[in-house]
Amino acid sequence: MNQPSVGGKQIQVSLDEKIGQGIYANLALISHSGAEFIIDFTRVLPGMPKAAVQARILLTPQHAKGLMKALAGNLKKYEDKFGEIKTFSEKNEDKNFGFQSGSEEQ
């Protein structure tokens, strides 16, 4: 894992073994208030009528924008190396599935 830097100073980040195993998510619900963005990661399985939130991440608006830029940069690098990623809507599959933004929370 790359060691990030903050304010020009490198920081050490530890990764607990359980957290390092990761959580699979194929649906993310994104909402926001005036002070934060909330991303709920869920896993929808075939034949299951419910999907439980597997992880919830809270971000400041500034960190949400930084995350968006970091994801865009990494997606570009990925596609430059492996080719274009097709999304569900481009494949004319279920357009209500995947990553979606919610309404503003009160």
PDB file of N, CA and C in Angstrom:
ATOM      1  N   MET A   1       0.852  -1.177   0.000  1.00  0.00           N
ATOM      2  CA  MET A   1       0.000   0.000   0.000  1.00  0.00           C
ATOM      3  C   MET A   1       0.893   1.233   0.000  1.00  0.00           C
ATOM      4  N   ASN A   2       0.572   2.218  -0.805  1.00  0.00           N
ATOM      5  CA  ASN A   2       1.310   3.470  -0.817  1.00  0.00           C
ATOM      6  C   ASN A   2       1.074   4.222   0.480  1.00  0.00           C
ATOM      7  N   GLN A   3       2.115   4.861   0.978  1.00  0.00           N
ATOM      8  CA  GLN A   3       1.996   5.674   2.175  1.00  0.00           C
ATOM      9  C   GLN A   3       1.589   7.082   1.753  1.00  0.00           C
ATOM     10  N   PRO A   4       0.416   7.546   2.167  1.00  0.00           N
ATOM     11  CA  PRO A   4      -0.044   8.879   1.762  1.00  0.00           C
ATOM     12  C   PRO A   4       0.725   9.973   2.478  1.00  0.00           C
ATOM     13  N   SER A   5       0.631  11.166   1.916  1.00  0.00           N
ATOM     14  CA  SER A   5       1.237  12.314   2.580  1.00  0.00           C
ATOM     15  C   SER A   5       0.168  13.361   2.811  1.00  0.00           C
ATOM     16  N   VAL A   6       0.304  14.073   3.909  1.00  0.00           N
ATOM     17  CA  VAL A   6      -0.613  15.141   4.279  1.00  0.00           C
ATOM     18  C   VAL A   6       0.236  16.366   4.570  1.00  0.00           C
ATOM     19  N   GLY A   7      -0.038  17.442   3.846  1.00  0.00           N
ATOM     20  CA  GLY A   7       0.733  18.662   4.057  1.00  0.00           C
ATOM     21  C   GLY A   7       2.208  18.465   3.793  1.00  0.00           C
ATOM     22  N   GLY A   8       2.552  17.578   2.853  1.00  0.00           N
ATOM     23  CA  GLY A   8       3.942  17.327   2.523  1.00  0.00           C
ATOM     24  C   GLY A   8       4.633  16.345   3.446  1.00  0.00           C
ATOM     25  N   LYS A   9       3.954  15.905   4.507  1.00  0.00           N
ATOM     26  CA  LYS A   9       4.535  14.944   5.442  1.00  0.00           C
ATOM     27  C   LYS A   9       3.919  13.572   5.212  1.00  0.00           C
ATOM     28  N   GLN A  10       4.777  12.556   5.109  1.00  0.00           N
ATOM     29  CA  GLN A  10       4.299  11.195   4.906  1.00  0.00           C
ATOM     30  C   GLN A  10       3.710  10.653   6.203  1.00  0.00           C
ATOM     31  N   ILE A  11       2.566   9.991   6.108  1.00  0.00           N
ATOM     32  CA  ILE A  11       1.953   9.385   7.291  1.00  0.00           C
ATOM     33  C   ILE A  11       1.909   7.874   7.110  1.00  0.00           C
ATOM     34  N   GLN A  12       1.984   7.161   8.203  1.00  0.00           N
ATOM     35  CA  GLN A  12       1.909   5.713   8.168  1.00  0.00           C
ATOM     36  C   GLN A  12       0.461   5.293   8.378  1.00  0.00           C
ATOM     37  N   VAL A  13      -0.011   4.405   7.529  1.00  0.00           N
ATOM     38  CA  VAL A  13      -1.374   3.902   7.624  1.00  0.00           C
ATOM     39  C   VAL A  13      -1.291   2.410   7.901  1.00  0.00           C
ATOM     40  N   SER A  14      -1.964   1.961   8.961  1.00  0.00           N
ATOM     41  CA  SER A  14      -1.986   0.530   9.263  1.00  0.00           C
ATOM     42  C   SER A  14      -3.276  -0.067   8.723  1.00  0.00           C
ATOM     43  N   LEU A  15      -3.229  -1.340   8.397  1.00  0.00           N
ATOM     44  CA  LEU A  15      -4.393  -2.035   7.847  1.00  0.00           C
ATOM     45  C   LEU A  15      -4.618  -3.304   8.645  1.00  0.00           C
ATOM     46  N   ASP A  16      -5.660  -3.296   9.475  1.00  0.00           N
ATOM     47  CA  ASP A  16      -6.047  -4.450  10.271  1.00  0.00           C
ATOM     48  C   ASP A  16      -6.357  -5.623   9.338  1.00  0.00           C
ATOM     49  N   GLU A  17      -6.020  -6.833   9.765  1.00  0.00           N
ATOM     50  CA  GLU A  17      -6.222  -8.017   8.918  1.00  0.00           C
ATOM     51  C   GLU A  17      -7.687  -8.187   8.500  1.00  0.00           C
ATOM     52  N   LYS A  18      -8.613  -7.996   9.429  1.00  0.00           N
ATOM     53  CA  LYS A  18     -10.033  -8.153   9.103  1.00  0.00           C
ATOM     54  C   LYS A  18     -10.487  -7.097   8.090  1.00  0.00           C
ATOM     55  N   ILE A  19     -10.093  -5.843   8.307  1.00  0.00           N
ATOM     56  CA  ILE A  19     -10.440  -4.768   7.374  1.00  0.00           C
ATOM     57  C   ILE A  19      -9.773  -5.013   6.026  1.00  0.00           C
ATOM     58  N   GLY A  20      -8.550  -5.534   6.045  1.00  0.00           N
ATOM     59  CA  GLY A  20      -7.799  -5.795   4.825  1.00  0.00           C
ATOM     60  C   GLY A  20      -8.457  -6.815   3.905  1.00  0.00           C
ATOM     61  N   GLN A  21      -9.323  -7.656   4.452  1.00  0.00           N
ATOM     62  CA  GLN A  21     -10.032  -8.637   3.630  1.00  0.00           C
ATOM     63  C   GLN A  21     -11.062  -7.962   2.730  1.00  0.00           C
ATOM     64  N   GLY A  22     -11.496  -6.768   3.106  1.00  0.00           N
ATOM     65  CA  GLY A  22     -12.434  -6.013   2.290  1.00  0.00           C
ATOM     66  C   GLY A  22     -13.865  -6.502   2.413  1.00  0.00           C
ATOM     67  N   ILE A  23     -14.762  -5.703   1.853  1.00  0.00           N
ATOM     68  CA  ILE A  23     -16.186  -6.020   1.811  1.00  0.00           C
ATOM     69  C   ILE A  23     -16.638  -5.824   0.374  1.00  0.00           C
ATOM     70  N   TYR A  24     -17.296  -6.817  -0.189  1.00  0.00           N
ATOM     71  CA  TYR A  24     -17.806  -6.705  -1.548  1.00  0.00           C
ATOM     72  C   TYR A  24     -19.104  -5.908  -1.538  1.00  0.00           C
ATOM     73  N   ALA A  25     -19.213  -4.942  -2.430  1.00  0.00           N
ATOM     74  CA  ALA A  25     -20.437  -4.154  -2.578  1.00  0.00           C
ATOM     75  C   ALA A  25     -20.731  -3.999  -4.065  1.00  0.00           C
ATOM     76  N   ASN A  26     -22.004  -4.168  -4.431  1.00  0.00           N
ATOM     77  CA  ASN A  26     -22.397  -3.940  -5.820  1.00  0.00           C
ATOM     78  C   ASN A  26     -23.504  -2.892  -5.917  1.00  0.00           C
ATOM     79  N   LEU A  27     -23.748  -2.206  -4.809  1.00  0.00           N
ATOM     80  CA  LEU A  27     -24.714  -1.116  -4.788  1.00  0.00           C
ATOM     81  C   LEU A  27     -24.258  -0.104  -3.746  1.00  0.00           C
ATOM     82  N   ALA A  28     -24.209   1.155  -4.131  1.00  0.00           N
ATOM     83  CA  ALA A  28     -23.869   2.215  -3.183  1.00  0.00           C
ATOM     84  C   ALA A  28     -24.946   3.282  -3.260  1.00  0.00           C
ATOM     85  N   LEU A  29     -25.433   3.698  -2.123  1.00  0.00           N
ATOM     86  CA  LEU A  29     -26.427   4.751  -2.033  1.00  0.00           C
ATOM     87  C   LEU A  29     -25.746   5.973  -1.452  1.00  0.00           C
ATOM     88  N   ILE A  30     -25.810   7.087  -2.161  1.00  0.00           N
ATOM     89  CA  ILE A  30     -25.100   8.293  -1.749  1.00  0.00           C
ATOM     90  C   ILE A  30     -26.108   9.385  -1.452  1.00  0.00           C
ATOM     91  N   SER A  31     -25.995   9.973  -0.267  1.00  0.00           N
ATOM     92  CA  SER A  31     -26.853  11.094   0.112  1.00  0.00           C
ATOM     93  C   SER A  31     -25.975  12.146   0.775  1.00  0.00           C
ATOM     94  N   HIS A  32     -26.564  13.299   1.055  1.00  0.00           N
ATOM     95  CA  HIS A  32     -25.775  14.359   1.673  1.00  0.00           C
ATOM     96  C   HIS A  32     -26.651  15.295   2.481  1.00  0.00           C
ATOM     97  N   SER A  33     -25.997  15.974   3.397  1.00  0.00           N
ATOM     98  CA  SER A  33     -26.598  17.069   4.151  1.00  0.00           C
ATOM     99  C   SER A  33     -25.741  18.291   3.850  1.00  0.00           C
ATOM    100  N   GLY A  34     -25.958  19.380   4.540  1.00  0.00           N
ATOM    101  CA  GLY A  34     -25.143  20.562   4.327  1.00  0.00           C
ATOM    102  C   GLY A  34     -23.708  20.393   4.779  1.00  0.00           C
ATOM    103  N   ALA A  35     -23.449  19.413   5.644  1.00  0.00           N
ATOM    104  CA  ALA A  35     -22.125  19.269   6.235  1.00  0.00           C
ATOM    105  C   ALA A  35     -21.376  18.004   5.839  1.00  0.00           C
ATOM    106  N   GLU A  36     -22.082  17.013   5.259  1.00  0.00           N
ATOM    107  CA  GLU A  36     -21.411  15.747   4.996  1.00  0.00           C
ATOM    108  C   GLU A  36     -22.051  14.985   3.844  1.00  0.00           C
ATOM    109  N   PHE A  37     -21.271  14.071   3.282  1.00  0.00           N
ATOM    110  CA  PHE A  37     -21.756  13.104   2.304  1.00  0.00           C
ATOM    111  C   PHE A  37     -21.756  11.748   2.987  1.00  0.00           C
ATOM    112  N   ILE A  38     -22.784  10.952   2.727  1.00  0.00           N
ATOM    113  CA  ILE A  38     -22.916   9.629   3.312  1.00  0.00           C
ATOM    114  C   ILE A  38     -22.977   8.629   2.169  1.00  0.00           C
ATOM    115  N   ILE A  39     -22.091   7.636   2.217  1.00  0.00           N
ATOM    116  CA  ILE A  39     -22.096   6.572   1.215  1.00  0.00           C
ATOM    117  C   ILE A  39     -22.370   5.265   1.939  1.00  0.00           C
ATOM    118  N   ASP A  40     -23.492   4.635   1.612  1.00  0.00           N
ATOM    119  CA  ASP A  40     -23.840   3.323   2.156  1.00  0.00           C
ATOM    120  C   ASP A  40     -23.543   2.276   1.096  1.00  0.00           C
ATOM    121  N   PHE A  41     -22.633   1.360   1.414  1.00  0.00           N
ATOM    122  CA  PHE A  41     -22.276   0.279   0.502  1.00  0.00           C
ATOM    123  C   PHE A  41     -23.091  -0.954   0.875  1.00  0.00           C
ATOM    124  N   THR A  42     -23.785  -1.520  -0.111  1.00  0.00           N
ATOM    125  CA  THR A  42     -24.605  -2.708   0.114  1.00  0.00           C
ATOM    126  C   THR A  42     -24.243  -3.784  -0.896  1.00  0.00           C
ATOM    127  N   ARG A  43     -24.745  -4.968  -0.632  1.00  0.00           N
ATOM    128  CA  ARG A  43     -24.519  -6.108  -1.522  1.00  0.00           C
ATOM    129  C   ARG A  43     -25.885  -6.715  -1.830  1.00  0.00           C
ATOM    130  N   VAL A  44     -26.280  -6.656  -3.100  1.00  0.00           N
ATOM    131  CA  VAL A  44     -27.549  -7.233  -3.551  1.00  0.00           C
ATOM    132  C   VAL A  44     -27.245  -8.608  -4.127  1.00  0.00           C
ATOM    133  N   LEU A  45     -27.954  -9.624  -3.638  1.00  0.00           N
ATOM    134  CA  LEU A  45     -27.750 -10.989  -4.112  1.00  0.00           C
ATOM    135  C   LEU A  45     -28.997 -11.490  -4.829  1.00  0.00           C
ATOM    136  N   PRO A  46     -28.827 -12.296  -5.879  1.00  0.00           N
ATOM    137  CA  PRO A  46     -29.982 -12.821  -6.611  1.00  0.00           C
ATOM    138  C   PRO A  46     -30.935 -13.581  -5.688  1.00  0.00           C
ATOM    139  N   GLY A  47     -32.224 -13.323  -5.859  1.00  0.00           N
ATOM    140  CA  GLY A  47     -33.238 -14.023  -5.084  1.00  0.00           C
ATOM    141  C   GLY A  47     -33.435 -13.510  -3.674  1.00  0.00           C
ATOM    142  N   MET A  48     -32.673 -12.504  -3.281  1.00  0.00           N
ATOM    143  CA  MET A  48     -32.799 -11.958  -1.934  1.00  0.00           C
ATOM    144  C   MET A  48     -33.541 -10.627  -2.019  1.00  0.00           C
ATOM    145  N   PRO A  49     -34.676 -10.500  -1.313  1.00  0.00           N
ATOM    146  CA  PRO A  49     -35.478  -9.280  -1.426  1.00  0.00           C
ATOM    147  C   PRO A  49     -34.924  -8.074  -0.664  1.00  0.00           C
ATOM    148  N   LYS A  50     -33.949  -8.296   0.214  1.00  0.00           N
ATOM    149  CA  LYS A  50     -33.391  -7.206   1.008  1.00  0.00           C
ATOM    150  C   LYS A  50     -31.879  -7.133   0.815  1.00  0.00           C
ATOM    151  N   ALA A  51     -31.359  -5.927   1.005  1.00  0.00           N
ATOM    152  CA  ALA A  51     -29.915  -5.728   0.968  1.00  0.00           C
ATOM    153  C   ALA A  51     -29.522  -4.936   2.204  1.00  0.00           C
ATOM    154  N   ALA A  52     -28.664  -5.505   3.021  1.00  0.00           N
ATOM    155  CA  ALA A  52     -28.213  -4.825   4.236  1.00  0.00           C
ATOM    156  C   ALA A  52     -26.994  -3.973   3.928  1.00  0.00           C
ATOM    157  N   VAL A  53     -26.894  -2.838   4.597  1.00  0.00           N
ATOM    158  CA  VAL A  53     -25.722  -1.984   4.459  1.00  0.00           C
ATOM    159  C   VAL A  53     -24.529  -2.732   5.055  1.00  0.00           C
ATOM    160  N   GLN A  54     -23.463  -2.859   4.276  1.00  0.00           N
ATOM    161  CA  GLN A  54     -22.251  -3.535   4.713  1.00  0.00           C
ATOM    162  C   GLN A  54     -21.266  -2.557   5.351  1.00  0.00           C
ATOM    163  N   ALA A  55     -21.279  -1.320   4.864  1.00  0.00           N
ATOM    164  CA  ALA A  55     -20.385  -0.286   5.405  1.00  0.00           C
ATOM    165  C   ALA A  55     -20.980   1.083   5.103  1.00  0.00           C
ATOM    166  N   ARG A  56     -20.803   2.008   6.013  1.00  0.00           N
ATOM    167  CA  ARG A  56     -21.240   3.399   5.827  1.00  0.00           C
ATOM    168  C   ARG A  56     -20.016   4.286   5.996  1.00  0.00           C
ATOM    169  N   ILE A  57     -19.795   5.147   5.026  1.00  0.00           N
ATOM    170  CA  ILE A  57     -18.665   6.074   5.063  1.00  0.00           C
ATOM    171  C   ILE A  57     -19.216   7.494   5.082  1.00  0.00           C
ATOM    172  N   LEU A  58     -18.739   8.300   6.031  1.00  0.00           N
ATOM    173  CA  LEU A  58     -19.134   9.705   6.135  1.00  0.00           C
ATOM    174  C   LEU A  58     -17.936  10.564   5.726  1.00  0.00           C
ATOM    175  N   LEU A  59     -18.187  11.536   4.845  1.00  0.00           N
ATOM    176  CA  LEU A  59     -17.129  12.399   4.329  1.00  0.00           C
ATOM    177  C   LEU A  59     -17.551  13.859   4.384  1.00  0.00           C
ATOM    178  N   THR A  60     -16.596  14.744   4.582  1.00  0.00           N
ATOM    179  CA  THR A  60     -16.878  16.169   4.408  1.00  0.00           C
ATOM    180  C   THR A  60     -17.052  16.424   2.911  1.00  0.00           C
ATOM    181  N   PRO A  61     -17.713  17.510   2.529  1.00  0.00           N
ATOM    182  CA  PRO A  61     -17.827  17.816   1.097  1.00  0.00           C
ATOM    183  C   PRO A  61     -16.458  17.910   0.410  1.00  0.00           C
ATOM    184  N   GLN A  62     -15.467  18.468   1.098  1.00  0.00           N
ATOM    185  CA  GLN A  62     -14.133  18.575   0.521  1.00  0.00           C
ATOM    186  C   GLN A  62     -13.510  17.195   0.286  1.00  0.00           C
ATOM    187  N   HIS A  63     -13.675  16.287   1.244  1.00  0.00           N
ATOM    188  CA  HIS A  63     -13.128  14.945   1.079  1.00  0.00           C
ATOM    189  C   HIS A  63     -13.912  14.160   0.027  1.00  0.00           C
ATOM    190  N   ALA A  64     -15.215  14.393  -0.084  1.00  0.00           N
ATOM    191  CA  ALA A  64     -16.007  13.727  -1.120  1.00  0.00           C
ATOM    192  C   ALA A  64     -15.515  14.148  -2.505  1.00  0.00           C
ATOM    193  N   LYS A  65     -15.228  15.434  -2.667  1.00  0.00           N
ATOM    194  CA  LYS A  65     -14.726  15.910  -3.958  1.00  0.00           C
ATOM    195  C   LYS A  65     -13.337  15.335  -4.236  1.00  0.00           C
ATOM    196  N   GLY A  66     -12.495  15.256  -3.206  1.00  0.00           N
ATOM    197  CA  GLY A  66     -11.179  14.643  -3.368  1.00  0.00           C
ATOM    198  C   GLY A  66     -11.283  13.179  -3.756  1.00  0.00           C
ATOM    199  N   LEU A  67     -12.239  12.453  -3.138  1.00  0.00           N
ATOM    200  CA  LEU A  67     -12.469  11.049  -3.482  1.00  0.00           C
ATOM    201  C   LEU A  67     -12.904  10.923  -4.935  1.00  0.00           C
ATOM    202  N   MET A  68     -13.805  11.807  -5.371  1.00  0.00           N
ATOM    203  CA  MET A  68     -14.274  11.778  -6.756  1.00  0.00           C
ATOM    204  C   MET A  68     -13.095  11.965  -7.721  1.00  0.00           C
ATOM    205  N   LYS A  69     -12.221  12.921  -7.430  1.00  0.00           N
ATOM    206  CA  LYS A  69     -11.061  13.167  -8.302  1.00  0.00           C
ATOM    207  C   LYS A  69     -10.096  11.981  -8.293  1.00  0.00           C
ATOM    208  N   ALA A  70      -9.880  11.393  -7.115  1.00  0.00           N
ATOM    209  CA  ALA A  70      -8.979  10.244  -7.019  1.00  0.00           C
ATOM    210  C   ALA A  70      -9.545   9.048  -7.780  1.00  0.00           C
ATOM    211  N   LEU A  71     -10.851   8.815  -7.669  1.00  0.00           N
ATOM    212  CA  LEU A  71     -11.476   7.721  -8.418  1.00  0.00           C
ATOM    213  C   LEU A  71     -11.388   7.964  -9.919  1.00  0.00           C
ATOM    214  N   ALA A  72     -11.653   9.201 -10.351  1.00  0.00           N
ATOM    215  CA  ALA A  72     -11.582   9.531 -11.778  1.00  0.00           C
ATOM    216  C   ALA A  72     -10.167   9.296 -12.306  1.00  0.00           C
ATOM    217  N   GLY A  73      -9.164   9.705 -11.545  1.00  0.00           N
ATOM    218  CA  GLY A  73      -7.780   9.500 -11.970  1.00  0.00           C
ATOM    219  C   GLY A  73      -7.421   8.026 -12.060  1.00  0.00           C
ATOM    220  N   ASN A  74      -7.857   7.238 -11.078  1.00  0.00           N
ATOM    221  CA  ASN A  74      -7.566   5.810 -11.092  1.00  0.00           C
ATOM    222  C   ASN A  74      -8.336   5.083 -12.184  1.00  0.00           C
ATOM    223  N   LEU A  75      -9.575   5.497 -12.451  1.00  0.00           N
ATOM    224  CA  LEU A  75     -10.336   4.892 -13.552  1.00  0.00           C
ATOM    225  C   LEU A  75      -9.657   5.167 -14.893  1.00  0.00           C
ATOM    226  N   LYS A  76      -9.155   6.377 -15.071  1.00  0.00           N
ATOM    227  CA  LYS A  76      -8.452   6.706 -16.316  1.00  0.00           C
ATOM    228  C   LYS A  76      -7.221   5.824 -16.486  1.00  0.00           C
ATOM    229  N   LYS A  77      -6.427   5.677 -15.416  1.00  0.00           N
ATOM    230  CA  LYS A  77      -5.236   4.822 -15.478  1.00  0.00           C
ATOM    231  C   LYS A  77      -5.627   3.378 -15.801  1.00  0.00           C
ATOM    232  N   TYR A  78      -6.695   2.899 -15.178  1.00  0.00           N
ATOM    233  CA  TYR A  78      -7.168   1.530 -15.422  1.00  0.00           C
ATOM    234  C   TYR A  78      -7.562   1.353 -16.886  1.00  0.00           C
ATOM    235  N   GLU A  79      -8.375   2.288 -17.404  1.00  0.00           N
ATOM    236  CA  GLU A  79      -8.841   2.169 -18.783  1.00  0.00           C
ATOM    237  C   GLU A  79      -7.709   2.346 -19.788  1.00  0.00           C
ATOM    238  N   ASP A  80      -6.736   3.168 -19.480  1.00  0.00           N
ATOM    239  CA  ASP A  80      -5.566   3.306 -20.357  1.00  0.00           C
ATOM    240  C   ASP A  80      -4.824   1.978 -20.469  1.00  0.00           C
ATOM    241  N   LYS A  81      -4.803   1.208 -19.390  1.00  0.00           N
ATOM    242  CA  LYS A  81      -4.082  -0.061 -19.368  1.00  0.00           C
ATOM    243  C   LYS A  81      -4.922  -1.237 -19.872  1.00  0.00           C
ATOM    244  N   PHE A  82      -6.203  -1.286 -19.482  1.00  0.00           N
ATOM    245  CA  PHE A  82      -7.028  -2.465 -19.748  1.00  0.00           C
ATOM    246  C   PHE A  82      -8.182  -2.239 -20.727  1.00  0.00           C
ATOM    247  N   GLY A  83      -8.439  -1.007 -21.122  1.00  0.00           N
ATOM    248  CA  GLY A  83      -9.547  -0.714 -22.029  1.00  0.00           C
ATOM    249  C   GLY A  83     -10.758  -0.172 -21.288  1.00  0.00           C
ATOM    250  N   GLU A  84     -11.701   0.329 -22.069  1.00  0.00           N
ATOM    251  CA  GLU A  84     -12.886   0.985 -21.517  1.00  0.00           C
ATOM    252  C   GLU A  84     -13.732   0.036 -20.677  1.00  0.00           C
ATOM    253  N   ILE A  85     -14.213   0.539 -19.569  1.00  0.00           N
ATOM    254  CA  ILE A  85     -15.117  -0.201 -18.688  1.00  0.00           C
ATOM    255  C   ILE A  85     -16.539   0.100 -19.139  1.00  0.00           C
ATOM    256  N   LYS A  86     -17.308  -0.914 -19.427  1.00  0.00           N
ATOM    257  CA  LYS A  86     -18.713  -0.742 -19.811  1.00  0.00           C
ATOM    258  C   LYS A  86     -19.569  -0.760 -18.550  1.00  0.00           C
ATOM    259  N   THR A  87     -20.485   0.199 -18.436  1.00  0.00           N
ATOM    260  CA  THR A  87     -21.389   0.237 -17.290  1.00  0.00           C
ATOM    261  C   THR A  87     -22.692  -0.452 -17.645  1.00  0.00           C
ATOM    262  N   PHE A  88     -23.512  -0.716 -16.630  1.00  0.00           N
ATOM    263  CA  PHE A  88     -24.784  -1.399 -16.855  1.00  0.00           C
ATOM    264  C   PHE A  88     -25.665  -0.625 -17.823  1.00  0.00           C
ATOM    265  N   SER A  89     -25.744   0.693 -17.674  1.00  0.00           N
ATOM    266  CA  SER A  89     -26.620   1.484 -18.540  1.00  0.00           C
ATOM    267  C   SER A  89     -26.140   1.433 -19.986  1.00  0.00           C
ATOM    268  N   GLU A  90     -24.828   1.324 -20.207  1.00  0.00           N
ATOM    269  CA  GLU A  90     -24.298   1.208 -21.565  1.00  0.00           C
ATOM    270  C   GLU A  90     -24.616  -0.149 -22.164  1.00  0.00           C
ATOM    271  N   LYS A  91     -24.824  -1.158 -21.311  1.00  0.00           N
ATOM    272  CA  LYS A  91     -25.146  -2.499 -21.780  1.00  0.00           C
ATOM    273  C   LYS A  91     -26.660  -2.713 -21.862  1.00  0.00           C
ATOM    274  N   ASN A  92     -27.441  -1.652 -21.594  1.00  0.00           N
ATOM    275  CA  ASN A  92     -28.908  -1.718 -21.593  1.00  0.00           C
ATOM    276  C   ASN A  92     -29.434  -2.739 -20.594  1.00  0.00           C
ATOM    277  N   GLU A  93     -28.745  -2.894 -19.491  1.00  0.00           N
ATOM    278  CA  GLU A  93     -29.231  -3.758 -18.418  1.00  0.00           C
ATOM    279  C   GLU A  93     -29.979  -2.890 -17.416  1.00  0.00           C
ATOM    280  N   ASP A  94     -30.251  -3.414 -16.262  1.00  0.00           N
ATOM    281  CA  ASP A  94     -31.024  -2.708 -15.234  1.00  0.00           C
ATOM    282  C   ASP A  94     -30.391  -1.366 -14.910  1.00  0.00           C
ATOM    283  N   LYS A  95     -31.062  -0.278 -15.256  1.00  0.00           N
ATOM    284  CA  LYS A  95     -30.523   1.064 -15.059  1.00  0.00           C
ATOM    285  C   LYS A  95     -30.702   1.550 -13.629  1.00  0.00           C
ATOM    286  N   ASN A  96     -31.430   0.816 -12.795  1.00  0.00           N
ATOM    287  CA  ASN A  96     -31.638   1.211 -11.403  1.00  0.00           C
ATOM    288  C   ASN A  96     -30.707   0.454 -10.462  1.00  0.00           C
ATOM    289  N   PHE A  97     -29.696  -0.175 -11.007  1.00  0.00           N
ATOM    290  CA  PHE A  97     -28.805  -1.007 -10.213  1.00  0.00           C
ATOM    291  C   PHE A  97     -27.397  -0.435 -10.246  1.00  0.00           C
ATOM    292  N   GLY A  98     -26.694  -0.484  -9.166  1.00  0.00           N
ATOM    293  CA  GLY A  98     -25.317  -0.010  -9.143  1.00  0.00           C
ATOM    294  C   GLY A  98     -25.137   1.121  -8.170  1.00  0.00           C
ATOM    295  N   PHE A  99     -24.535   2.195  -8.613  1.00  0.00           N
ATOM    296  CA  PHE A  99     -24.221   3.315  -7.760  1.00  0.00           C
ATOM    297  C   PHE A  99     -25.148   4.464  -8.084  1.00  0.00           C
ATOM    298  N   GLN A 100     -25.827   4.988  -7.110  1.00  0.00           N
ATOM    299  CA  GLN A 100     -26.817   6.022  -7.345  1.00  0.00           C
ATOM    300  C   GLN A 100     -26.791   7.059  -6.232  1.00  0.00           C
ATOM    301  N   SER A 101     -27.195   8.254  -6.573  1.00  0.00           N
ATOM    302  CA  SER A 101     -27.247   9.302  -5.562  1.00  0.00           C
ATOM    303  C   SER A 101     -28.676   9.442  -5.057  1.00  0.00           C
ATOM    304  N   GLY A 102     -28.776   9.736  -3.778  1.00  0.00           N
ATOM    305  CA  GLY A 102     -30.083   9.906  -3.166  1.00  0.00           C
ATOM    306  C   GLY A 102     -30.429  11.372  -3.047  1.00  0.00           C
ATOM    307  N   SER A 103     -31.556  11.631  -2.438  1.00  0.00           N
ATOM    308  CA  SER A 103     -31.966  13.014  -2.225  1.00  0.00           C
ATOM    309  C   SER A 103     -31.252  13.593  -1.023  1.00  0.00           C
ATOM    310  N   GLU A 104     -31.268  14.896  -0.916  1.00  0.00           N
ATOM    311  CA  GLU A 104     -30.604  15.573   0.202  1.00  0.00           C
ATOM    312  C   GLU A 104     -31.313  15.210   1.495  1.00  0.00           C
ATOM    313  N   GLU A 105     -30.515  14.867   2.518  1.00  0.00           N
ATOM    314  CA  GLU A 105     -31.094  14.537   3.825  1.00  0.00           C
ATOM    315  C   GLU A 105     -31.395  15.824   4.578  1.00  0.00           C
ATOM    316  N   GLN A 106     -32.355  15.760   5.453  1.00  0.00           N
ATOM    317  CA  GLN A 106     -32.751  16.928   6.253  1.00  0.00           C
ATOM    318  C   GLN A 106     -31.916  17.053   7.488  1.00  0.00           C
TER     319      GLN A 106
END
